[in-house]
């Protein structure tokens, strides 16, 4: 198989990715996103037992 044979099966890209997209105005962007409360890092863990067993 030659390089020319490999090129025949390629699919041409539908968009040109060599340039940047058009500029988006600031008022068209999302100002904020509602988020959930972060989970408790010590949830389901016995902190006192962990502290007692540490070998640090």
Protein backbone atom coordinates (compact mmCIF):
# COMPACT_ATOMS: atom_id res chain seq x y z
CA UNK A 1 0.00 0.00 0.00
CA UNK A 2 1.31 3.44 -0.84
CA UNK A 3 0.66 6.81 0.70
CA UNK A 4 -1.66 7.69 -2.18
CA UNK A 5 -3.84 4.66 -1.41
CA UNK A 6 -4.17 5.78 2.21
CA UNK A 7 -5.27 9.28 1.21
CA UNK A 8 -8.13 8.09 -0.98
CA UNK A 9 -10.09 6.72 1.99
CA UNK A 10 -9.78 9.89 4.08
CA UNK A 11 -12.85 11.93 4.91
CA UNK A 12 -12.55 15.65 4.29
CA UNK A 13 -13.31 17.80 7.37
CA UNK A 14 -16.58 19.72 7.15
CA UNK A 15 -15.23 22.73 9.06
CA UNK A 16 -11.99 24.63 8.79
CA UNK A 17 -10.22 24.35 12.16
CA UNK A 18 -7.17 26.40 11.13
CA UNK A 19 -8.68 29.69 12.30
CA UNK A 20 -10.32 30.87 15.51
CA UNK A 21 -14.13 31.01 15.80
CA UNK A 22 -15.88 34.39 15.62
CA UNK A 23 -15.68 36.57 18.72
CA UNK A 24 -18.38 35.99 21.35
CA UNK A 25 -19.64 39.08 23.13
CA UNK A 26 -19.47 39.08 26.93
CA UNK A 27 -23.24 39.54 27.30
CA UNK A 28 -23.78 36.31 25.31
CA UNK A 29 -21.80 34.24 27.81
CA UNK A 30 -23.08 32.54 30.94
CA UNK A 31 -22.64 34.82 33.95
CA UNK A 32 -23.03 32.17 36.63
CA UNK A 33 -23.89 28.53 37.08
CA UNK A 34 -25.83 27.24 40.05
CA UNK A 35 -23.85 24.52 41.78
CA UNK A 36 -24.57 21.94 44.42
CA UNK A 37 -23.05 22.06 47.87
CA UNK A 38 -19.72 20.19 47.80
CA UNK A 39 -19.78 16.86 49.62
CA UNK A 40 -18.34 16.61 53.10
CA UNK A 41 -14.78 15.25 52.78
CA UNK A 42 -15.07 13.38 56.10
CA UNK A 43 -18.47 11.84 55.35
CA UNK A 44 -18.59 8.16 56.26
CA UNK A 45 -15.15 8.26 57.87
CA UNK A 46 -14.28 8.12 61.55
CA UNK A 47 -11.91 11.08 61.81
CA UNK A 48 -10.86 10.29 65.39
CA UNK A 49 -9.94 6.68 64.52
CA UNK A 50 -8.06 7.81 61.42
CA UNK A 51 -6.08 10.34 63.47
CA UNK A 52 -5.26 7.70 66.13
CA UNK A 53 -4.00 5.14 63.58
CA UNK A 54 -1.83 7.47 61.51
CA UNK A 55 1.82 6.47 61.33
CA UNK A 56 3.09 9.85 60.14
